[in-house]
Amino acid sequence: MDIVDAHCHIISADTARYPQAPIGGKQSAWAATRPVTAEGMIARMDQTGISQAVLVQATTHYGYDNSYVLDTTRAHPDRFAAVGTVDPLRDDAATLLKTATGQGRLAGVRLFTSGSTVPTQGEWFAAPETFPFWEQAGELRIPVCLQMRLGPATHHLVELLERFPHVTVLLDHIGYPDITTSPATAGQDVAALGVHPGLHLKLTHRNLEQLHNAGDQATDFLTPVIKAFGADRIAWGSNLPAAEQSLPQLRTLAEETLAELPERDREQIFAGTARRLYPALAASAA
């Protein structure tokens, strides 16, 4: 099967050229204990049979310095697309976004509003100060990866999607829905967001592990979500090396969990969606 990894991270061994600058000053544990370089990522992809990948800025290691993902993508344009981190609260955020994206530059951007080093869900991503950024993202047709947790802040996401319906938003890890407690309830909550055409889902090990453990009940989550979004708005990402498993193990987890889906749906989730979101990958594959 043709596979594009829509969410992985790289960290250089050259700390002089690419120094640490994590957002909030706190480095994530995985970045310190199991970093993977660009060369290491290519080797793992070749071993696993993954043709292309989207390099998502390691925000908890490099912060807003996107140099490493950009340099890597320029060196290997046939294998990678780069997603960098920007600060949408800056007065010049819209201008910065336009400058940072385009041919040979960032193919997308990421807003890190919650995660292992930021346990409290931020609401700043929907502040009025960010509206010029969102407007520019829509005009440029630049995908915005949003790392957030569904819950109290979900209404802010909905407000953004309604205000900027032409913006493409990728919800990292599907917003961490609580599949373990109730696959059906989690599926209904996520499916309700499918009415917003610009919203896409990034399916990673953080969801797939829970779905795998749910056994037959995994369909209680997958069925309504795929019906609401369609497979062409869902992309698989390994989250390597934030995920502790090896890349072959992460591919196997995804394939086994999604094995009952129709072949076309699996083709979209594993490659088609990512290539539509990041046309440079499609051009290179062709």
C-alpha atoms as a PDB file:
ATOM      1  CA  MET A   1       0.000   0.000   0.000  1.00  0.00           C
ATOM      2  CA  ASP A   2       1.171   3.519  -0.824  1.00  0.00           C
ATOM      3  CA  ILE A   3       1.629   5.376   2.477  1.00  0.00           C
ATOM      4  CA  VAL A   4       2.280   8.990   3.455  1.00  0.00           C
ATOM      5  CA  ASP A   5       3.043   9.685   7.102  1.00  0.00           C
ATOM      6  CA  ALA A   6       1.170  12.942   7.790  1.00  0.00           C
ATOM      7  CA  HIS A   7       2.670  13.624  11.223  1.00  0.00           C
ATOM      8  CA  CYS A   8       6.224  12.940  12.348  1.00  0.00           C
ATOM      9  CA  HIS A   9       9.034  14.938  13.959  1.00  0.00           C
ATOM     10  CA  ILE A  10      12.775  15.272  13.446  1.00  0.00           C
ATOM     11  CA  ILE A  11      15.534  16.674  15.651  1.00  0.00           C
ATOM     12  CA  SER A  12      19.066  17.399  14.486  1.00  0.00           C
ATOM     13  CA  ALA A  13      22.186  16.204  16.262  1.00  0.00           C
ATOM     14  CA  ASP A  14      23.807  19.528  15.306  1.00  0.00           C
ATOM     15  CA  THR A  15      22.852  21.665  18.299  1.00  0.00           C
ATOM     16  CA  ALA A  16      25.069  24.544  17.188  1.00  0.00           C
ATOM     17  CA  ARG A  17      23.280  24.960  13.858  1.00  0.00           C
ATOM     18  CA  TYR A  18      19.851  24.079  15.243  1.00  0.00           C
ATOM     19  CA  PRO A  19      19.746  25.111  18.929  1.00  0.00           C
ATOM     20  CA  GLN A  20      16.953  24.249  21.329  1.00  0.00           C
ATOM     21  CA  ALA A  21      14.268  26.892  21.784  1.00  0.00           C
ATOM     22  CA  PRO A  22      11.136  25.093  23.091  1.00  0.00           C
ATOM     23  CA  ILE A  23       7.970  27.087  23.553  1.00  0.00           C
ATOM     24  CA  GLY A  24       7.620  27.893  27.239  1.00  0.00           C
ATOM     25  CA  GLY A  25      11.218  26.885  27.814  1.00  0.00           C
ATOM     26  CA  LYS A  26      10.296  23.240  28.503  1.00  0.00           C
ATOM     27  CA  GLN A  27      11.520  20.420  26.276  1.00  0.00           C
ATOM     28  CA  SER A  28       9.347  17.342  25.856  1.00  0.00           C
ATOM     29  CA  ALA A  29      10.695  14.084  27.278  1.00  0.00           C
ATOM     30  CA  TRP A  30      10.643  12.260  23.950  1.00  0.00           C
ATOM     31  CA  ALA A  31      12.746  14.961  22.287  1.00  0.00           C
ATOM     32  CA  ALA A  32      15.406  14.486  24.944  1.00  0.00           C
ATOM     33  CA  THR A  33      15.383  10.687  25.143  1.00  0.00           C
ATOM     34  CA  ARG A  34      14.591   9.373  21.640  1.00  0.00           C
ATOM     35  CA  PRO A  35      15.195  12.040  18.979  1.00  0.00           C
ATOM     36  CA  VAL A  36      15.257  11.026  15.323  1.00  0.00           C
ATOM     37  CA  THR A  37      17.301  12.933  12.740  1.00  0.00           C
ATOM     38  CA  ALA A  38      16.246  13.526   9.148  1.00  0.00           C
ATOM     39  CA  GLU A  39      18.572  10.768   7.994  1.00  0.00           C
ATOM     40  CA  GLY A  40      17.179   8.477  10.653  1.00  0.00           C
ATOM     41  CA  MET A  41      13.638   9.245   9.546  1.00  0.00           C
ATOM     42  CA  ILE A  42      14.444   8.404   5.927  1.00  0.00           C
ATOM     43  CA  ALA A  43      15.995   5.092   7.021  1.00  0.00           C
ATOM     44  CA  ARG A  44      12.928   4.226   9.094  1.00  0.00           C
ATOM     45  CA  MET A  45      10.597   5.165   6.259  1.00  0.00           C
ATOM     46  CA  ASP A  46      12.521   2.984   3.820  1.00  0.00           C
ATOM     47  CA  GLN A  47      12.455   0.106   6.294  1.00  0.00           C
ATOM     48  CA  THR A  48       8.695   0.495   6.770  1.00  0.00           C
ATOM     49  CA  GLY A  49       7.680   1.079   3.161  1.00  0.00           C
ATOM     50  CA  ILE A  50       6.562   4.688   3.628  1.00  0.00           C
ATOM     51  CA  SER A  51       7.242   6.794   0.580  1.00  0.00           C
ATOM     52  CA  GLN A  52       6.688  10.321   1.909  1.00  0.00           C
ATOM     53  CA  ALA A  53       6.103  12.182   5.158  1.00  0.00           C
ATOM     54  CA  VAL A  54       5.037  15.532   6.560  1.00  0.00           C
ATOM     55  CA  LEU A  55       7.643  16.894   8.959  1.00  0.00           C
ATOM     56  CA  VAL A  56       5.742  18.684  11.699  1.00  0.00           C
ATOM     57  CA  GLN A  57       7.830  21.159  13.639  1.00  0.00           C
ATOM     58  CA  ALA A  58       8.986  19.780  17.009  1.00  0.00           C
ATOM     59  CA  THR A  59       7.533  22.747  18.863  1.00  0.00           C
ATOM     60  CA  THR A  60       8.658  21.467  22.242  1.00  0.00           C
ATOM     61  CA  HIS A  61      12.252  21.427  21.005  1.00  0.00           C
ATOM     62  CA  TYR A  62      12.624  24.198  18.397  1.00  0.00           C
ATOM     63  CA  GLY A  63       9.722  26.520  19.160  1.00  0.00           C
ATOM     64  CA  TYR A  64       9.285  29.011  16.306  1.00  0.00           C
ATOM     65  CA  ASP A  65      12.616  28.251  14.628  1.00  0.00           C
ATOM     66  CA  ASN A  66      11.566  26.167  11.613  1.00  0.00           C
ATOM     67  CA  SER A  67      15.058  25.931  10.116  1.00  0.00           C
ATOM     68  CA  TYR A  68      15.539  22.184  10.458  1.00  0.00           C
ATOM     69  CA  VAL A  69      12.286  21.041   8.853  1.00  0.00           C
ATOM     70  CA  LEU A  70      12.793  23.587   6.067  1.00  0.00           C
ATOM     71  CA  ASP A  71      16.400  22.596   5.382  1.00  0.00           C
ATOM     72  CA  THR A  72      15.449  18.919   5.386  1.00  0.00           C
ATOM     73  CA  THR A  73      12.572  19.426   2.972  1.00  0.00           C
ATOM     74  CA  ARG A  74      14.742  21.412   0.593  1.00  0.00           C
ATOM     75  CA  ALA A  75      17.333  18.628   0.654  1.00  0.00           C
ATOM     76  CA  HIS A  76      14.708  15.910   0.091  1.00  0.00           C
ATOM     77  CA  PRO A  77      11.735  17.504  -1.714  1.00  0.00           C
ATOM     78  CA  ASP A  78      10.627  14.146  -3.076  1.00  0.00           C
ATOM     79  CA  ARG A  79      10.246  12.695   0.425  1.00  0.00           C
ATOM     80  CA  PHE A  80       9.074  15.493   2.693  1.00  0.00           C
ATOM     81  CA  ALA A  81       6.808  18.497   3.172  1.00  0.00           C
ATOM     82  CA  ALA A  82       7.435  20.894   6.062  1.00  0.00           C
ATOM     83  CA  VAL A  83       4.918  22.182   8.594  1.00  0.00           C
ATOM     84  CA  GLY A  84       6.308  24.933  10.799  1.00  0.00           C
ATOM     85  CA  THR A  85       5.171  26.720  13.934  1.00  0.00           C
ATOM     86  CA  VAL A  86       4.155  30.371  13.929  1.00  0.00           C
ATOM     87  CA  ASP A  87       2.807  32.806  16.507  1.00  0.00           C
ATOM     88  CA  PRO A  88      -0.621  34.026  15.332  1.00  0.00           C
ATOM     89  CA  LEU A  89      -0.747  36.635  18.085  1.00  0.00           C
ATOM     90  CA  ARG A  90       2.035  38.705  16.551  1.00  0.00           C
ATOM     91  CA  ASP A  91       0.991  41.992  14.982  1.00  0.00           C
ATOM     92  CA  ASP A  92       2.671  40.907  11.757  1.00  0.00           C
ATOM     93  CA  ALA A  93       1.411  37.303  11.858  1.00  0.00           C
ATOM     94  CA  ALA A  94      -0.408  37.544   8.510  1.00  0.00           C
ATOM     95  CA  THR A  95       2.627  39.004   6.743  1.00  0.00           C
ATOM     96  CA  LEU A  96       4.913  36.474   8.400  1.00  0.00           C
ATOM     97  CA  LEU A  97       2.671  33.620   7.284  1.00  0.00           C
ATOM     98  CA  LYS A  98       2.706  34.817   3.677  1.00  0.00           C
ATOM     99  CA  THR A  99       6.489  35.123   3.717  1.00  0.00           C
ATOM    100  CA  ALA A 100       7.046  31.754   5.382  1.00  0.00           C
ATOM    101  CA  THR A 101       4.870  29.703   3.029  1.00  0.00           C
ATOM    102  CA  GLY A 102       4.845  28.951  -0.659  1.00  0.00           C
ATOM    103  CA  GLN A 103       7.021  27.078  -3.113  1.00  0.00           C
ATOM    104  CA  GLY A 104      10.173  25.770  -1.455  1.00  0.00           C
ATOM    105  CA  ARG A 105       9.013  26.998   1.950  1.00  0.00           C
ATOM    106  CA  LEU A 106       6.521  25.823   4.565  1.00  0.00           C
ATOM    107  CA  ALA A 107       3.656  23.743   3.182  1.00  0.00           C
ATOM    108  CA  GLY A 108       1.619  24.264   6.332  1.00  0.00           C
ATOM    109  CA  VAL A 109       1.746  25.657   9.850  1.00  0.00           C
ATOM    110  CA  ARG A 110       1.019  24.388  13.329  1.00  0.00           C
ATOM    111  CA  LEU A 111      -0.438  25.990  16.431  1.00  0.00           C
ATOM    112  CA  PHE A 112       0.558  24.234  19.651  1.00  0.00           C
ATOM    113  CA  THR A 113      -2.148  25.071  22.216  1.00  0.00           C
ATOM    114  CA  SER A 114      -1.881  22.003  24.464  1.00  0.00           C
ATOM    115  CA  GLY A 115       0.399  19.005  24.865  1.00  0.00           C
ATOM    116  CA  SER A 116       2.789  17.184  27.166  1.00  0.00           C
ATOM    117  CA  THR A 117       4.586  20.397  28.096  1.00  0.00           C
ATOM    118  CA  VAL A 118       1.451  22.564  28.049  1.00  0.00           C
ATOM    119  CA  PRO A 119      -1.144  20.646  30.092  1.00  0.00           C
ATOM    120  CA  THR A 120      -3.605  23.558  30.336  1.00  0.00           C
ATOM    121  CA  GLN A 121      -5.593  24.024  27.148  1.00  0.00           C
ATOM    122  CA  GLY A 122      -4.988  27.493  25.753  1.00  0.00           C
ATOM    123  CA  GLU A 123      -7.759  29.544  24.210  1.00  0.00           C
ATOM    124  CA  TRP A 124      -5.515  32.139  22.576  1.00  0.00           C
ATOM    125  CA  PHE A 125      -5.769  30.431  19.179  1.00  0.00           C
ATOM    126  CA  ALA A 126      -9.227  31.975  18.776  1.00  0.00           C
ATOM    127  CA  ALA A 127      -8.487  35.437  20.179  1.00  0.00           C
ATOM    128  CA  PRO A 128      -9.486  38.365  17.930  1.00  0.00           C
ATOM    129  CA  GLU A 129      -5.797  39.223  17.597  1.00  0.00           C
ATOM    130  CA  THR A 130      -5.371  35.993  15.573  1.00  0.00           C
ATOM    131  CA  PHE A 131      -8.074  36.812  13.012  1.00  0.00           C
ATOM    132  CA  PRO A 132      -5.661  38.368  10.469  1.00  0.00           C
ATOM    133  CA  PHE A 133      -3.606  35.166  10.644  1.00  0.00           C
ATOM    134  CA  TRP A 134      -6.647  32.968  10.007  1.00  0.00           C
ATOM    135  CA  GLU A 135      -7.833  35.209   7.186  1.00  0.00           C
ATOM    136  CA  GLN A 136      -4.434  34.982   5.511  1.00  0.00           C
ATOM    137  CA  ALA A 137      -4.302  31.203   5.957  1.00  0.00           C
ATOM    138  CA  GLY A 138      -7.605  30.958   4.115  1.00  0.00           C
ATOM    139  CA  GLU A 139      -6.461  33.206   1.294  1.00  0.00           C
ATOM    140  CA  LEU A 140      -3.215  31.272   0.895  1.00  0.00           C
ATOM    141  CA  ARG A 141      -4.955  27.896   1.240  1.00  0.00           C
ATOM    142  CA  ILE A 142      -2.359  26.882   3.797  1.00  0.00           C
ATOM    143  CA  PRO A 143      -3.381  23.992   6.073  1.00  0.00           C
ATOM    144  CA  VAL A 144      -3.245  24.845   9.766  1.00  0.00           C
ATOM    145  CA  CYS A 145      -2.522  21.953  12.130  1.00  0.00           C
ATOM    146  CA  LEU A 146      -4.181  22.629  15.468  1.00  0.00           C
ATOM    147  CA  GLN A 147      -2.853  20.765  18.492  1.00  0.00           C
ATOM    148  CA  MET A 148      -5.649  21.049  21.045  1.00  0.00           C
ATOM    149  CA  ARG A 149      -7.851  18.982  23.331  1.00  0.00           C
ATOM    150  CA  LEU A 150     -11.560  18.801  22.637  1.00  0.00           C
ATOM    151  CA  GLY A 151     -13.656  19.823  25.619  1.00  0.00           C
ATOM    152  CA  PRO A 152     -14.185  23.290  27.098  1.00  0.00           C
ATOM    153  CA  ALA A 153     -12.263  24.921  24.232  1.00  0.00           C
ATOM    154  CA  THR A 154     -14.216  23.140  21.483  1.00  0.00           C
ATOM    155  CA  HIS A 155     -16.647  26.034  21.149  1.00  0.00           C
ATOM    156  CA  HIS A 156     -13.700  28.293  20.263  1.00  0.00           C
ATOM    157  CA  LEU A 157     -12.776  25.894  17.469  1.00  0.00           C
ATOM    158  CA  VAL A 158     -16.359  25.928  16.205  1.00  0.00           C
ATOM    159  CA  GLU A 159     -16.442  29.734  16.270  1.00  0.00           C
ATOM    160  CA  LEU A 160     -13.254  29.839  14.178  1.00  0.00           C
ATOM    161  CA  LEU A 161     -14.561  27.318  11.669  1.00  0.00           C
ATOM    162  CA  GLU A 162     -17.754  29.337  11.291  1.00  0.00           C
ATOM    163  CA  ARG A 163     -15.926  32.660  10.996  1.00  0.00           C
ATOM    164  CA  PHE A 164     -13.330  31.313   8.541  1.00  0.00           C
ATOM    165  CA  PRO A 165     -15.067  28.511   6.587  1.00  0.00           C
ATOM    166  CA  HIS A 166     -12.430  28.532   3.837  1.00  0.00           C
ATOM    167  CA  VAL A 167      -9.539  27.725   6.192  1.00  0.00           C
ATOM    168  CA  THR A 168      -8.288  24.136   6.225  1.00  0.00           C
ATOM    169  CA  VAL A 169      -7.735  22.987   9.816  1.00  0.00           C
ATOM    170  CA  LEU A 170      -6.158  19.655  10.715  1.00  0.00           C
ATOM    171  CA  LEU A 171      -7.039  18.550  14.211  1.00  0.00           C
ATOM    172  CA  ASP A 172      -3.919  16.819  15.531  1.00  0.00           C
ATOM    173  CA  HIS A 173      -4.656  13.464  17.198  1.00  0.00           C
ATOM    174  CA  ILE A 174      -8.369  14.194  16.508  1.00  0.00           C
ATOM    175  CA  GLY A 175      -8.261  16.467  19.538  1.00  0.00           C
ATOM    176  CA  TYR A 176      -7.600  13.578  21.958  1.00  0.00           C
ATOM    177  CA  PRO A 177     -11.189  12.248  22.220  1.00  0.00           C
ATOM    178  CA  ASP A 178     -11.813   9.926  25.181  1.00  0.00           C
ATOM    179  CA  ILE A 179     -12.331   6.734  23.209  1.00  0.00           C
ATOM    180  CA  THR A 180     -11.442   4.502  26.155  1.00  0.00           C
ATOM    181  CA  THR A 181     -14.385   5.581  28.328  1.00  0.00           C
ATOM    182  CA  SER A 182     -16.951   5.346  25.532  1.00  0.00           C
ATOM    183  CA  PRO A 183     -16.098   4.835  21.844  1.00  0.00           C
ATOM    184  CA  ALA A 184     -19.690   5.640  20.888  1.00  0.00           C
ATOM    185  CA  THR A 185     -19.870   8.918  22.810  1.00  0.00           C
ATOM    186  CA  ALA A 186     -16.445  10.006  21.576  1.00  0.00           C
ATOM    187  CA  GLY A 187     -17.454   9.141  18.029  1.00  0.00           C
ATOM    188  CA  GLN A 188     -20.655  11.161  18.267  1.00  0.00           C
ATOM    189  CA  ASP A 189     -18.810  14.175  19.684  1.00  0.00           C
ATOM    190  CA  VAL A 190     -16.218  14.150  16.901  1.00  0.00           C
ATOM    191  CA  ALA A 191     -18.771  13.408  14.179  1.00  0.00           C
ATOM    192  CA  ALA A 192     -20.742  16.503  15.213  1.00  0.00           C
ATOM    193  CA  LEU A 193     -17.806  18.611  14.003  1.00  0.00           C
ATOM    194  CA  GLY A 194     -18.002  17.110  10.526  1.00  0.00           C
ATOM    195  CA  VAL A 195     -20.489  19.764   9.405  1.00  0.00           C
ATOM    196  CA  HIS A 196     -17.556  22.160   9.045  1.00  0.00           C
ATOM    197  CA  PRO A 197     -16.075  21.404   5.607  1.00  0.00           C
ATOM    198  CA  GLY A 198     -12.676  22.923   6.380  1.00  0.00           C
ATOM    199  CA  LEU A 199     -12.013  20.644   9.343  1.00  0.00           C
ATOM    200  CA  HIS A 200      -9.833  17.582   8.775  1.00  0.00           C
ATOM    201  CA  LEU A 201      -8.716  14.918  11.236  1.00  0.00           C
ATOM    202  CA  LYS A 202      -5.251  13.589  11.875  1.00  0.00           C
ATOM    203  CA  LEU A 203      -5.469   9.990  13.088  1.00  0.00           C
ATOM    204  CA  THR A 204      -2.428   8.928  15.126  1.00  0.00           C
ATOM    205  CA  HIS A 205      -1.329   6.292  17.612  1.00  0.00           C
ATOM    206  CA  ARG A 206      -2.922   8.344  20.404  1.00  0.00           C
ATOM    207  CA  ASN A 207      -6.299   7.393  18.924  1.00  0.00           C
ATOM    208  CA  LEU A 208      -5.389   4.069  17.363  1.00  0.00           C
ATOM    209  CA  GLU A 209      -4.104   2.553  20.601  1.00  0.00           C
ATOM    210  CA  GLN A 210      -7.458   3.258  22.250  1.00  0.00           C
ATOM    211  CA  LEU A 211      -9.345   1.950  19.236  1.00  0.00           C
ATOM    212  CA  HIS A 212      -7.236  -1.214  19.182  1.00  0.00           C
ATOM    213  CA  ASN A 213      -7.953  -1.795  22.859  1.00  0.00           C
ATOM    214  CA  ALA A 214     -11.666  -1.203  22.271  1.00  0.00           C
ATOM    215  CA  GLY A 215     -11.858  -4.293  20.051  1.00  0.00           C
ATOM    216  CA  ASP A 216     -15.223  -4.673  18.332  1.00  0.00           C
ATOM    217  CA  GLN A 217     -16.411  -1.406  19.875  1.00  0.00           C
ATOM    218  CA  ALA A 218     -13.897   0.519  17.746  1.00  0.00           C
ATOM    219  CA  THR A 219     -16.549   0.654  15.032  1.00  0.00           C
ATOM    220  CA  ASP A 220     -18.750   2.662  17.410  1.00  0.00           C
ATOM    221  CA  PHE A 221     -16.230   5.459  17.015  1.00  0.00           C
ATOM    222  CA  LEU A 222     -15.016   4.933  13.463  1.00  0.00           C
ATOM    223  CA  THR A 223     -18.395   4.488  11.774  1.00  0.00           C
ATOM    224  CA  PRO A 224     -19.947   7.864  12.709  1.00  0.00           C
ATOM    225  CA  VAL A 225     -16.670   9.742  12.296  1.00  0.00           C
ATOM    226  CA  ILE A 226     -15.976   8.422   8.804  1.00  0.00           C
ATOM    227  CA  LYS A 227     -19.619   8.917   7.809  1.00  0.00           C
ATOM    228  CA  ALA A 228     -19.483  12.554   8.960  1.00  0.00           C
ATOM    229  CA  PHE A 229     -16.084  13.478   7.553  1.00  0.00           C
ATOM    230  CA  GLY A 230     -15.441  10.995   4.779  1.00  0.00           C
ATOM    231  CA  ALA A 231     -12.083   9.268   4.502  1.00  0.00           C
ATOM    232  CA  ASP A 232     -10.830  12.091   2.282  1.00  0.00           C
ATOM    233  CA  ARG A 233     -10.790  14.384   5.332  1.00  0.00           C
ATOM    234  CA  ILE A 234      -8.823  11.985   7.521  1.00  0.00           C
ATOM    235  CA  ALA A 235      -5.049  11.421   7.362  1.00  0.00           C
ATOM    236  CA  TRP A 236      -2.876   8.942   9.222  1.00  0.00           C
ATOM    237  CA  GLY A 237       0.248  10.103  11.019  1.00  0.00           C
ATOM    238  CA  SER A 238       2.715   8.020  13.015  1.00  0.00           C
ATOM    239  CA  ASN A 239       3.747  10.714  15.533  1.00  0.00           C
ATOM    240  CA  LEU A 240       7.230   9.200  15.530  1.00  0.00           C
ATOM    241  CA  PRO A 241       9.306   9.636  17.691  1.00  0.00           C
ATOM    242  CA  ALA A 242       6.847  11.089  20.215  1.00  0.00           C
ATOM    243  CA  ALA A 243       5.277   7.634  19.985  1.00  0.00           C
ATOM    244  CA  GLU A 244       7.360   5.042  21.801  1.00  0.00           C
ATOM    245  CA  GLN A 245       6.795   2.300  19.221  1.00  0.00           C
ATOM    246  CA  SER A 246       8.936   1.788  16.151  1.00  0.00           C
ATOM    247  CA  LEU A 247       7.659   3.011  12.789  1.00  0.00           C
ATOM    248  CA  PRO A 248       6.904  -0.548  11.554  1.00  0.00           C
ATOM    249  CA  GLN A 249       4.906  -1.146  14.735  1.00  0.00           C
ATOM    250  CA  LEU A 250       2.984   2.087  14.249  1.00  0.00           C
ATOM    251  CA  ARG A 251       2.163   1.177  10.656  1.00  0.00           C
ATOM    252  CA  THR A 252       0.984  -2.267  11.758  1.00  0.00           C
ATOM    253  CA  LEU A 253      -1.181  -0.757  14.506  1.00  0.00           C
ATOM    254  CA  ALA A 254      -2.880   1.508  11.982  1.00  0.00           C
ATOM    255  CA  GLU A 255      -3.370  -1.175   9.341  1.00  0.00           C
ATOM    256  CA  GLU A 256      -4.771  -3.710  11.804  1.00  0.00           C
ATOM    257  CA  THR A 257      -7.129  -1.200  13.417  1.00  0.00           C
ATOM    258  CA  LEU A 258      -8.462   0.039  10.072  1.00  0.00           C
ATOM    259  CA  ALA A 259      -8.429  -3.343   8.313  1.00  0.00           C
ATOM    260  CA  GLU A 260     -12.229  -3.590   8.097  1.00  0.00           C
ATOM    261  CA  LEU A 261     -12.615  -0.290   6.253  1.00  0.00           C
ATOM    262  CA  PRO A 262     -13.221  -0.347   2.483  1.00  0.00           C
ATOM    263  CA  GLU A 263     -10.049  -0.275   0.409  1.00  0.00           C
ATOM    264  CA  ARG A 264     -10.768   3.199  -0.953  1.00  0.00           C
ATOM    265  CA  ASP A 265     -11.161   4.600   2.552  1.00  0.00           C
ATOM    266  CA  ARG A 266      -7.836   3.127   3.610  1.00  0.00           C
ATOM    267  CA  GLU A 267      -6.141   4.527   0.500  1.00  0.00           C
ATOM    268  CA  GLN A 268      -7.382   8.005   1.374  1.00  0.00           C
ATOM    269  CA  ILE A 269      -6.445   7.805   5.044  1.00  0.00           C
ATOM    270  CA  PHE A 270      -2.979   6.408   4.378  1.00  0.00           C
ATOM    271  CA  ALA A 271      -2.006   8.620   1.432  1.00  0.00           C
ATOM    272  CA  GLY A 272      -4.700  10.395  -0.579  1.00  0.00           C
ATOM    273  CA  THR A 273      -5.756  12.947   2.014  1.00  0.00           C
ATOM    274  CA  ALA A 274      -2.194  13.990   2.842  1.00  0.00           C
ATOM    275  CA  ARG A 275      -1.325  14.513  -0.803  1.00  0.00           C
ATOM    276  CA  ARG A 276      -4.391  16.692  -1.363  1.00  0.00           C
ATOM    277  CA  LEU A 277      -3.536  18.772   1.682  1.00  0.00           C
ATOM    278  CA  TYR A 278       0.092  19.092   0.636  1.00  0.00           C
ATOM    279  CA  PRO A 279       0.166  19.289  -3.187  1.00  0.00           C
ATOM    280  CA  ALA A 280       3.964  19.319  -3.302  1.00  0.00           C
ATOM    281  CA  LEU A 281       3.947  15.709  -2.132  1.00  0.00           C
ATOM    282  CA  ALA A 282       1.500  14.764  -4.880  1.00  0.00           C
ATOM    283  CA  ALA A 283       3.659  16.504  -7.486  1.00  0.00           C
ATOM    284  CA  SER A 284       6.776  14.686  -6.270  1.00  0.00           C
ATOM    285  CA  ALA A 285       4.980  11.339  -6.207  1.00  0.00           C
ATOM    286  CA  ALA A 286       3.787  11.859  -9.765  1.00  0.00           C
END
